[in-house]
Amino acid sequence: MVTVTFCFVIFNLFVITQVYLSRKVDMEIKVHHQTELPFPAVTICNMNPYRRSAIENSPMFKTQKTNIQKRTSTKKTRHKRATGVWFCMYE
């Protein structure tokens, strides 16, 4: 009985493998590395509407900055974080 079951499993694995390998590939990816690229004739400008100077001059930002710096929970966790929104603006 064990031999028959084992042969049945081997046969099914063989059939499933044949079906899998007979299927065509739908997608093929080729990577081509180009060593030289032409320099673009377009100047790339920063179109970001958020400016650091505009944020620093905002009274709401100054109030929030003061509130965050005075909180004890901020002081306790400040050394654990590498960066944050406020930290990034003042680097």
N, C-alpha and C. Protein backbone atom coordinates (compact mmCIF):
# COMPACT_ATOMS: atom_id res chain seq x y z
N MET A 1 0.82 -1.19 0.00
CA MET A 1 0.00 0.00 0.00
C MET A 1 0.87 1.26 0.00
N VAL A 2 1.92 1.25 0.80
CA VAL A 2 2.81 2.40 0.88
C VAL A 2 3.51 2.60 -0.47
N THR A 3 3.90 1.52 -1.10
CA THR A 3 4.58 1.60 -2.39
C THR A 3 3.67 2.18 -3.46
N VAL A 4 2.43 1.78 -3.46
CA VAL A 4 1.46 2.29 -4.44
C VAL A 4 1.24 3.80 -4.21
N THR A 5 1.11 4.21 -2.97
CA THR A 5 0.91 5.62 -2.64
C THR A 5 2.14 6.44 -3.04
N PHE A 6 3.31 5.92 -2.75
CA PHE A 6 4.54 6.61 -3.11
C PHE A 6 4.65 6.77 -4.64
N CYS A 7 4.35 5.72 -5.38
CA CYS A 7 4.39 5.80 -6.84
C CYS A 7 3.36 6.80 -7.36
N PHE A 8 2.19 6.84 -6.76
CA PHE A 8 1.16 7.80 -7.15
C PHE A 8 1.63 9.24 -6.93
N VAL A 9 2.27 9.51 -5.81
CA VAL A 9 2.79 10.85 -5.50
C VAL A 9 3.88 11.23 -6.50
N ILE A 10 4.78 10.33 -6.78
CA ILE A 10 5.86 10.60 -7.73
C ILE A 10 5.29 10.88 -9.12
N PHE A 11 4.32 10.08 -9.54
CA PHE A 11 3.68 10.28 -10.84
C PHE A 11 3.01 11.66 -10.91
N ASN A 12 2.28 12.03 -9.87
CA ASN A 12 1.61 13.34 -9.86
C ASN A 12 2.61 14.49 -9.86
N LEU A 13 3.69 14.36 -9.12
CA LEU A 13 4.72 15.39 -9.14
C LEU A 13 5.32 15.54 -10.54
N PHE A 14 5.54 14.43 -11.21
CA PHE A 14 6.07 14.46 -12.56
C PHE A 14 5.10 15.17 -13.52
N VAL A 15 3.83 14.83 -13.44
CA VAL A 15 2.82 15.44 -14.31
C VAL A 15 2.70 16.94 -14.04
N ILE A 16 2.65 17.32 -12.78
CA ILE A 16 2.53 18.74 -12.42
C ILE A 16 3.75 19.51 -12.90
N THR A 17 4.93 18.94 -12.76
CA THR A 17 6.16 19.59 -13.21
C THR A 17 6.15 19.76 -14.72
N GLN A 18 5.71 18.76 -15.45
CA GLN A 18 5.64 18.85 -16.91
C GLN A 18 4.66 19.94 -17.36
N VAL A 19 3.53 20.04 -16.70
CA VAL A 19 2.55 21.08 -17.03
C VAL A 19 3.14 22.46 -16.74
N TYR A 20 3.80 22.60 -15.62
CA TYR A 20 4.40 23.89 -15.24
C TYR A 20 5.48 24.31 -16.24
N LEU A 21 6.34 23.39 -16.63
CA LEU A 21 7.43 23.71 -17.54
C LEU A 21 6.97 23.91 -18.98
N SER A 22 5.81 23.41 -19.34
CA SER A 22 5.32 23.55 -20.71
C SER A 22 4.68 24.91 -20.98
N ARG A 23 4.41 25.67 -19.96
CA ARG A 23 3.76 26.98 -20.15
C ARG A 23 4.77 27.99 -20.68
N LYS A 24 4.24 28.89 -21.54
CA LYS A 24 5.10 29.91 -22.13
C LYS A 24 5.32 31.05 -21.14
N VAL A 25 6.41 31.76 -21.37
CA VAL A 25 6.73 32.92 -20.55
C VAL A 25 5.97 34.11 -21.13
N ASP A 26 5.24 34.83 -20.28
CA ASP A 26 4.47 35.97 -20.75
C ASP A 26 5.29 37.25 -20.80
N MET A 27 6.35 37.31 -20.04
CA MET A 27 7.11 38.55 -19.96
C MET A 27 8.60 38.21 -19.91
N GLU A 28 9.37 39.03 -20.60
CA GLU A 28 10.81 38.85 -20.58
C GLU A 28 11.44 40.22 -20.37
N ILE A 29 12.39 40.31 -19.47
CA ILE A 29 13.03 41.58 -19.14
C ILE A 29 14.49 41.52 -19.55
N LYS A 30 14.90 42.55 -20.27
CA LYS A 30 16.31 42.66 -20.64
C LYS A 30 16.82 43.99 -20.11
N VAL A 31 17.95 43.97 -19.45
CA VAL A 31 18.55 45.18 -18.89
C VAL A 31 19.72 45.58 -19.77
N HIS A 32 19.70 46.83 -20.20
CA HIS A 32 20.78 47.35 -21.03
C HIS A 32 21.35 48.57 -20.33
N HIS A 33 22.62 48.51 -19.98
CA HIS A 33 23.28 49.63 -19.32
C HIS A 33 23.95 50.51 -20.36
N GLN A 34 23.58 51.77 -20.36
CA GLN A 34 24.18 52.72 -21.29
C GLN A 34 25.23 53.52 -20.54
N THR A 35 26.42 53.56 -21.08
CA THR A 35 27.52 54.23 -20.37
C THR A 35 27.49 55.74 -20.54
N GLU A 36 26.97 56.23 -21.66
CA GLU A 36 26.92 57.67 -21.88
C GLU A 36 25.48 58.10 -22.16
N LEU A 37 25.09 59.19 -21.55
CA LEU A 37 23.77 59.75 -21.77
C LEU A 37 23.93 61.20 -22.21
N PRO A 38 23.12 61.64 -23.17
CA PRO A 38 23.21 63.05 -23.57
C PRO A 38 22.69 63.96 -22.46
N PHE A 39 23.37 65.08 -22.27
CA PHE A 39 22.96 66.02 -21.24
C PHE A 39 21.66 66.70 -21.66
N PRO A 40 20.67 66.77 -20.78
CA PRO A 40 19.39 67.35 -21.18
C PRO A 40 19.50 68.86 -21.39
N ALA A 41 18.72 69.36 -22.33
CA ALA A 41 18.71 70.79 -22.62
C ALA A 41 17.65 71.51 -21.79
N VAL A 42 17.13 70.84 -20.79
CA VAL A 42 16.08 71.40 -19.95
C VAL A 42 16.64 71.63 -18.55
N THR A 43 16.33 72.76 -17.97
CA THR A 43 16.73 73.05 -16.60
C THR A 43 15.64 72.56 -15.67
N ILE A 44 16.02 71.80 -14.67
CA ILE A 44 15.05 71.28 -13.71
C ILE A 44 14.98 72.24 -12.53
N CYS A 45 13.80 72.78 -12.29
CA CYS A 45 13.60 73.74 -11.21
C CYS A 45 12.83 73.09 -10.07
N ASN A 46 13.08 73.57 -8.88
CA ASN A 46 12.35 73.10 -7.72
C ASN A 46 10.98 73.77 -7.71
N MET A 47 9.94 73.00 -7.96
CA MET A 47 8.58 73.54 -7.99
C MET A 47 7.86 73.27 -6.67
N ASN A 48 8.60 72.96 -5.64
CA ASN A 48 8.02 72.66 -4.33
C ASN A 48 7.40 73.93 -3.75
N PRO A 49 6.09 73.92 -3.45
CA PRO A 49 5.46 75.14 -2.93
C PRO A 49 5.82 75.43 -1.47
N TYR A 50 6.43 74.50 -0.78
CA TYR A 50 6.76 74.68 0.63
C TYR A 50 8.18 75.23 0.75
N ARG A 51 8.32 76.37 1.32
CA ARG A 51 9.62 77.00 1.49
C ARG A 51 9.96 77.08 2.98
N ARG A 52 11.19 76.83 3.30
CA ARG A 52 11.63 76.87 4.70
C ARG A 52 11.46 78.27 5.28
N SER A 53 11.80 79.29 4.50
CA SER A 53 11.69 80.66 5.01
C SER A 53 10.24 81.04 5.30
N ALA A 54 9.32 80.57 4.47
CA ALA A 54 7.90 80.88 4.70
C ALA A 54 7.39 80.19 5.96
N ILE A 55 7.86 78.99 6.22
CA ILE A 55 7.43 78.27 7.41
C ILE A 55 8.03 78.91 8.66
N GLU A 56 9.29 79.28 8.61
CA GLU A 56 9.94 79.87 9.78
C GLU A 56 9.31 81.20 10.18
N ASN A 57 8.81 81.96 9.22
CA ASN A 57 8.20 83.26 9.50
C ASN A 57 6.74 83.16 9.92
N SER A 58 6.18 81.98 9.87
CA SER A 58 4.78 81.79 10.23
C SER A 58 4.61 81.83 11.75
N PRO A 59 3.67 82.65 12.27
CA PRO A 59 3.46 82.69 13.72
C PRO A 59 2.95 81.35 14.27
N MET A 60 2.15 80.64 13.48
CA MET A 60 1.65 79.34 13.94
C MET A 60 2.80 78.35 14.12
N PHE A 61 3.76 78.38 13.20
CA PHE A 61 4.91 77.49 13.31
C PHE A 61 5.73 77.82 14.55
N LYS A 62 5.94 79.09 14.80
CA LYS A 62 6.72 79.49 15.98
C LYS A 62 6.04 79.04 17.26
N THR A 63 4.71 79.15 17.32
CA THR A 63 3.97 78.70 18.50
C THR A 63 4.09 77.19 18.67
N GLN A 64 3.90 76.46 17.60
CA GLN A 64 3.99 75.00 17.67
C GLN A 64 5.39 74.54 18.03
N LYS A 65 6.39 75.21 17.47
CA LYS A 65 7.78 74.86 17.77
C LYS A 65 8.07 75.05 19.26
N THR A 66 7.58 76.15 19.80
CA THR A 66 7.78 76.43 21.23
C THR A 66 7.06 75.39 22.07
N ASN A 67 5.85 75.04 21.70
CA ASN A 67 5.09 74.05 22.46
C ASN A 67 5.77 72.69 22.44
N ILE A 68 6.31 72.30 21.31
CA ILE A 68 6.96 70.99 21.21
C ILE A 68 8.25 70.98 22.02
N GLN A 69 9.01 72.06 21.98
CA GLN A 69 10.29 72.08 22.70
C GLN A 69 10.09 72.08 24.21
N LYS A 70 8.96 72.57 24.71
CA LYS A 70 8.73 72.64 26.15
C LYS A 70 8.15 71.35 26.73
N ARG A 71 7.67 70.46 25.90
CA ARG A 71 7.05 69.23 26.41
C ARG A 71 8.11 68.29 26.97
N THR A 72 7.83 67.71 28.11
CA THR A 72 8.79 66.78 28.71
C THR A 72 8.87 65.48 27.93
N SER A 73 7.75 65.05 27.34
CA SER A 73 7.79 63.81 26.56
C SER A 73 8.68 63.97 25.34
N THR A 74 8.71 65.17 24.76
CA THR A 74 9.60 65.42 23.63
C THR A 74 11.05 65.36 24.07
N LYS A 75 11.34 65.92 25.21
CA LYS A 75 12.72 65.91 25.71
C LYS A 75 13.19 64.49 26.00
N LYS A 76 12.27 63.65 26.52
CA LYS A 76 12.65 62.28 26.85
C LYS A 76 12.92 61.43 25.61
N THR A 77 12.16 61.68 24.55
CA THR A 77 12.30 60.84 23.36
C THR A 77 13.17 61.45 22.28
N ARG A 78 13.62 62.67 22.45
CA ARG A 78 14.40 63.34 21.40
C ARG A 78 15.68 62.58 21.08
N HIS A 79 16.34 62.05 22.08
CA HIS A 79 17.61 61.36 21.83
C HIS A 79 17.40 60.01 21.16
N LYS A 80 16.18 59.48 21.17
CA LYS A 80 15.91 58.18 20.56
C LYS A 80 15.65 58.27 19.06
N ARG A 81 15.25 59.43 18.57
CA ARG A 81 14.91 59.58 17.16
C ARG A 81 16.07 60.24 16.42
N ALA A 82 16.34 59.71 15.24
CA ALA A 82 17.41 60.28 14.43
C ALA A 82 16.97 61.58 13.79
N THR A 83 15.79 61.60 13.22
CA THR A 83 15.28 62.81 12.57
C THR A 83 13.80 62.94 12.85
N GLY A 84 13.30 64.12 12.64
CA GLY A 84 11.88 64.39 12.76
C GLY A 84 11.57 65.62 11.96
N VAL A 85 10.32 65.99 11.86
CA VAL A 85 9.93 67.14 11.05
C VAL A 85 10.62 68.40 11.56
N TRP A 86 10.55 68.64 12.85
CA TRP A 86 11.11 69.87 13.40
C TRP A 86 12.64 69.83 13.35
N PHE A 87 13.21 68.67 13.62
CA PHE A 87 14.66 68.53 13.62
C PHE A 87 15.22 68.78 12.22
N CYS A 88 14.55 68.27 11.20
CA CYS A 88 15.03 68.42 9.82
C CYS A 88 15.01 69.88 9.38
N MET A 89 14.04 70.64 9.86
CA MET A 89 13.93 72.03 9.43
C MET A 89 15.02 72.90 10.04
N TYR A 90 15.58 72.47 11.15
CA TYR A 90 16.56 73.30 11.84
C TYR A 90 17.96 72.75 11.78
N GLU A 91 18.23 71.83 10.89
CA GLU A 91 19.59 71.32 10.75
C GLU A 91 20.43 72.29 9.96
